[in-house]
C-alpha atoms as a PDB file:
ATOM      1  CA  MET A   1       1.893  25.363  35.298  1.00  0.00           C
ATOM      2  CA  SER A   2       2.719  22.197  33.356  1.00  0.00           C
ATOM      3  CA  LYS A   3       0.309  20.422  31.039  1.00  0.00           C
ATOM      4  CA  GLN A   4      -0.413  16.798  31.837  1.00  0.00           C
ATOM      5  CA  ALA A   5      -1.229  14.304  29.095  1.00  0.00           C
ATOM      6  CA  ASN A   6      -4.802  13.102  29.134  1.00  0.00           C
ATOM      7  CA  HIS A   7      -4.724   9.299  29.282  1.00  0.00           C
ATOM      8  CA  GLN A   8      -8.465   8.782  29.349  1.00  0.00           C
ATOM      9  CA  ARG A   9      -9.587   5.510  27.798  1.00  0.00           C
ATOM     10  CA  PHE A  10     -12.786   5.036  25.807  1.00  0.00           C
ATOM     11  CA  PRO A  11     -14.709   1.926  24.722  1.00  0.00           C
ATOM     12  CA  LEU A  12     -14.565   0.996  21.039  1.00  0.00           C
ATOM     13  CA  CYS A  13     -17.616  -1.171  20.225  1.00  0.00           C
ATOM     14  CA  PHE A  14     -18.023  -3.627  17.342  1.00  0.00           C
ATOM     15  CA  ASN A  15     -21.478  -4.443  15.920  1.00  0.00           C
ATOM     16  CA  GLY A  16     -22.164  -7.424  13.685  1.00  0.00           C
ATOM     17  CA  GLY A  17     -19.772  -9.809  11.983  1.00  0.00           C
ATOM     18  CA  PRO A  18     -17.220 -11.965  13.776  1.00  0.00           C
ATOM     19  CA  LEU A  19     -16.475  -9.379  16.479  1.00  0.00           C
ATOM     20  CA  ASP A  20     -20.125  -8.639  17.327  1.00  0.00           C
ATOM     21  CA  GLY A  21     -20.338  -7.358  20.887  1.00  0.00           C
ATOM     22  CA  TYR A  22     -16.570  -7.089  21.354  1.00  0.00           C
ATOM     23  CA  VAL A  23     -15.430  -3.937  23.171  1.00  0.00           C
ATOM     24  CA  GLU A  24     -11.835  -2.698  23.081  1.00  0.00           C
ATOM     25  CA  GLU A  25     -10.533   0.109  25.267  1.00  0.00           C
ATOM     26  CA  THR A  26      -8.562   2.810  23.413  1.00  0.00           C
ATOM     27  CA  ASP A  27      -6.999   6.145  24.248  1.00  0.00           C
ATOM     28  CA  THR A  28      -6.885   7.256  20.591  1.00  0.00           C
ATOM     29  CA  PRO A  29      -8.597  10.644  20.229  1.00  0.00           C
ATOM     30  CA  LEU A  30     -11.915  10.462  18.376  1.00  0.00           C
ATOM     31  CA  ASP A  31     -10.677  12.699  15.543  1.00  0.00           C
ATOM     32  CA  GLN A  32      -7.822  10.232  14.887  1.00  0.00           C
ATOM     33  CA  MET A  33     -10.000   7.120  14.662  1.00  0.00           C
ATOM     34  CA  PRO A  34     -10.092   5.665  11.116  1.00  0.00           C
ATOM     35  CA  GLU A  35     -13.384   5.590   9.232  1.00  0.00           C
ATOM     36  CA  VAL A  36     -12.870   1.928   8.280  1.00  0.00           C
ATOM     37  CA  LEU A  37     -11.027  -0.804  10.190  1.00  0.00           C
ATOM     38  CA  GLY A  38      -9.758  -4.064   8.705  1.00  0.00           C
ATOM     39  CA  VAL A  39      -9.431  -6.854  11.265  1.00  0.00           C
ATOM     40  CA  LEU A  40      -7.727 -10.189  10.549  1.00  0.00           C
ATOM     41  CA  VAL A  41      -9.987 -12.943  11.868  1.00  0.00           C
ATOM     42  CA  SER A  42      -9.630 -16.609  12.808  1.00  0.00           C
ATOM     43  CA  PRO A  43     -11.069 -18.662  15.671  1.00  0.00           C
ATOM     44  CA  VAL A  44      -7.756 -18.301  17.526  1.00  0.00           C
ATOM     45  CA  ILE A  45      -7.633 -14.525  17.036  1.00  0.00           C
ATOM     46  CA  ILE A  46     -11.180 -14.159  18.362  1.00  0.00           C
ATOM     47  CA  GLU A  47     -10.201 -16.276  21.384  1.00  0.00           C
ATOM     48  CA  MET A  48      -7.140 -14.058  21.905  1.00  0.00           C
ATOM     49  CA  LEU A  49      -9.320 -10.953  21.909  1.00  0.00           C
ATOM     50  CA  THR A  50     -11.967 -12.337  24.227  1.00  0.00           C
ATOM     51  CA  THR A  51      -9.764 -14.246  26.695  1.00  0.00           C
ATOM     52  CA  GLN A  52      -6.498 -12.270  26.483  1.00  0.00           C
ATOM     53  CA  ARG A  53      -4.627 -15.466  25.532  1.00  0.00           C
ATOM     54  CA  LEU A  54      -1.476 -14.419  23.680  1.00  0.00           C
ATOM     55  CA  GLU A  55      -0.783 -17.499  21.524  1.00  0.00           C
ATOM     56  CA  ARG A  56      -1.311 -17.349  17.791  1.00  0.00           C
ATOM     57  CA  THR A  57      -1.304 -20.813  16.267  1.00  0.00           C
ATOM     58  CA  MET A  58      -3.642 -20.400  13.284  1.00  0.00           C
ATOM     59  CA  PRO A  59      -3.361 -18.076  10.276  1.00  0.00           C
ATOM     60  CA  PRO A  60      -6.213 -15.660   9.599  1.00  0.00           C
ATOM     61  CA  THR A  61      -9.222 -17.103   7.814  1.00  0.00           C
ATOM     62  CA  SER A  62     -10.679 -13.766   6.703  1.00  0.00           C
ATOM     63  CA  LEU A  63     -10.299 -10.016   6.835  1.00  0.00           C
ATOM     64  CA  ALA A  64     -13.390  -8.367   8.344  1.00  0.00           C
ATOM     65  CA  PHE A  65     -14.178  -4.726   7.596  1.00  0.00           C
ATOM     66  CA  TYR A  66     -15.906  -2.433  10.079  1.00  0.00           C
ATOM     67  CA  GLN A  67     -17.053   1.119   9.337  1.00  0.00           C
ATOM     68  CA  GLN A  68     -17.451   3.875  11.877  1.00  0.00           C
ATOM     69  CA  GLY A  69     -21.117   4.734  12.377  1.00  0.00           C
ATOM     70  CA  THR A  70     -20.606   8.499  12.535  1.00  0.00           C
ATOM     71  CA  ALA A  71     -17.635  10.756  13.095  1.00  0.00           C
ATOM     72  CA  GLN A  72     -18.953  11.300  16.615  1.00  0.00           C
ATOM     73  CA  ALA A  73     -19.126   7.627  17.621  1.00  0.00           C
ATOM     74  CA  ARG A  74     -16.687   4.951  18.701  1.00  0.00           C
ATOM     75  CA  GLN A  75     -18.946   2.268  17.271  1.00  0.00           C
ATOM     76  CA  TYR A  76     -17.975   0.247  14.238  1.00  0.00           C
ATOM     77  CA  THR A  77     -20.448  -1.805  12.189  1.00  0.00           C
ATOM     78  CA  PHE A  78     -19.520  -4.853  10.134  1.00  0.00           C
ATOM     79  CA  VAL A  79     -19.700  -4.093   6.400  1.00  0.00           C
ATOM     80  CA  GLY A  80     -18.129  -7.175   4.825  1.00  0.00           C
ATOM     81  CA  SER A  81     -15.148  -9.490   4.648  1.00  0.00           C
ATOM     82  CA  ALA A  82     -12.507 -10.801   2.270  1.00  0.00           C
ATOM     83  CA  SER A  83     -11.504 -14.409   1.703  1.00  0.00           C
ATOM     84  CA  PRO A  84      -8.175 -15.952   2.776  1.00  0.00           C
ATOM     85  CA  GLU A  85      -7.059 -15.839  -0.874  1.00  0.00           C
ATOM     86  CA  VAL A  86      -7.378 -12.047  -0.917  1.00  0.00           C
ATOM     87  CA  ILE A  87      -5.373 -11.846   2.315  1.00  0.00           C
ATOM     88  CA  ALA A  88      -2.566 -13.966   0.807  1.00  0.00           C
ATOM     89  CA  LEU A  89      -2.569 -12.023  -2.482  1.00  0.00           C
ATOM     90  CA  ASN A  90      -2.061  -8.759  -0.606  1.00  0.00           C
ATOM     91  CA  GLY A  91       0.825 -10.072   1.498  1.00  0.00           C
ATOM     92  CA  LEU A  92      -1.125 -10.088   4.751  1.00  0.00           C
ATOM     93  CA  SER A  93      -0.842 -13.795   5.534  1.00  0.00           C
ATOM     94  CA  ALA A  94       0.385 -14.806   8.982  1.00  0.00           C
ATOM     95  CA  GLY A  95       3.472 -16.466   7.507  1.00  0.00           C
ATOM     96  CA  ARG A  96       5.005 -13.187   6.358  1.00  0.00           C
END
């Protein structure tokens, strides 16, 4: 009997901050989800996420941080953000 890969997808929910209410589907196992996510944010990136438009014509304006509520949940809560200067200093700017 062969084993078949489980390709079940789960909702990943964002609470607060610039992605408040955004839900992303993921097949990453819960035990492999990071405790903290850093998400580059700009008005264009938010539009890409919410409308599935694939153009990127504006560099990020901030880096938003989301922390997993508990190890048992796929919910991330906004905990803060960094300025564009911090993004550029760490080599994360869109031009690189």
